[in-house]
Amino acid sequence: MLTPSPYRVRSPLFPDYTTVRRLLKIWNGEPKENVLCMISQIYNQARTPKGPVDRSKK
């Protein structure tokens, strides 16, 4: 039987500051609508741990 682990794995909900700094340089001059659309598309494909996406299908 498995024993419970005293450790928890936490996935951050937000990127760290280093990642945000890099993205802001890349997105510099890009229209806000384009960036928000991209974020929305990524979110729609990522899902949550309760409803994961099976990417093994071809």
Protein backbone atom coordinates (compact mmCIF):
# COMPACT_ATOMS: atom_id res chain seq x y z
CA MET A 1 0.00 0.00 0.00
CA LEU A 2 1.23 3.49 -0.80
CA THR A 3 2.00 5.81 2.05
CA PRO A 4 1.00 9.47 1.73
CA SER A 5 3.83 11.81 0.85
CA PRO A 6 4.53 14.77 3.14
CA TYR A 7 5.36 16.86 0.07
CA ARG A 8 3.00 18.69 -2.23
CA VAL A 9 3.65 19.58 -5.83
CA ARG A 10 2.29 22.98 -6.71
CA SER A 11 1.88 24.29 -10.22
CA PRO A 12 2.05 28.07 -10.41
CA LEU A 13 -1.02 29.83 -11.77
CA PHE A 14 1.06 32.74 -13.05
CA PRO A 15 4.48 32.96 -14.72
CA ASP A 16 7.46 34.26 -12.77
CA TYR A 17 8.81 37.76 -13.33
CA THR A 18 11.70 36.60 -15.51
CA THR A 19 9.30 34.95 -17.95
CA VAL A 20 7.01 37.98 -18.00
CA ARG A 21 9.97 40.29 -18.67
CA ARG A 22 11.00 38.17 -21.68
CA LEU A 23 7.45 38.00 -23.03
CA LEU A 24 7.00 41.76 -22.76
CA LYS A 25 10.08 42.25 -24.95
CA ILE A 26 8.70 39.80 -27.52
CA TRP A 27 5.20 41.33 -27.48
CA ASN A 28 6.44 44.92 -27.67
CA GLY A 29 4.36 46.72 -30.30
CA GLU A 30 1.92 43.83 -30.76
CA PRO A 31 -1.76 44.88 -30.57
CA LYS A 32 -3.42 44.01 -27.27
CA GLU A 33 -6.18 42.08 -29.05
CA ASN A 34 -3.64 39.72 -30.64
CA VAL A 35 -1.94 38.97 -27.32
CA LEU A 36 -5.25 38.37 -25.53
CA CYS A 37 -6.42 36.10 -28.36
CA MET A 38 -3.20 34.06 -28.12
CA ILE A 39 -3.53 33.74 -24.33
CA SER A 40 -7.15 32.64 -24.74
CA GLN A 41 -6.22 29.99 -27.32
CA ILE A 42 -3.45 28.60 -25.09
CA TYR A 43 -5.82 28.48 -22.11
CA ASN A 44 -8.47 26.66 -24.16
CA GLN A 45 -5.96 23.99 -25.17
CA ALA A 46 -4.29 23.58 -21.78
CA ARG A 47 -7.37 22.75 -19.69
CA THR A 48 -7.04 21.80 -16.02
CA PRO A 49 -5.84 18.72 -14.12
CA LYS A 50 -9.49 17.75 -13.65
CA GLY A 51 -10.13 17.89 -17.40
CA PRO A 52 -6.79 17.14 -19.11
CA VAL A 53 -6.37 17.11 -22.86
CA ASP A 54 -5.14 13.92 -24.54
CA ARG A 55 -2.55 15.07 -27.07
CA SER A 56 -1.56 11.55 -28.09
CA LYS A 57 -4.30 11.34 -30.72
CA LYS A 58 -3.05 11.99 -34.23
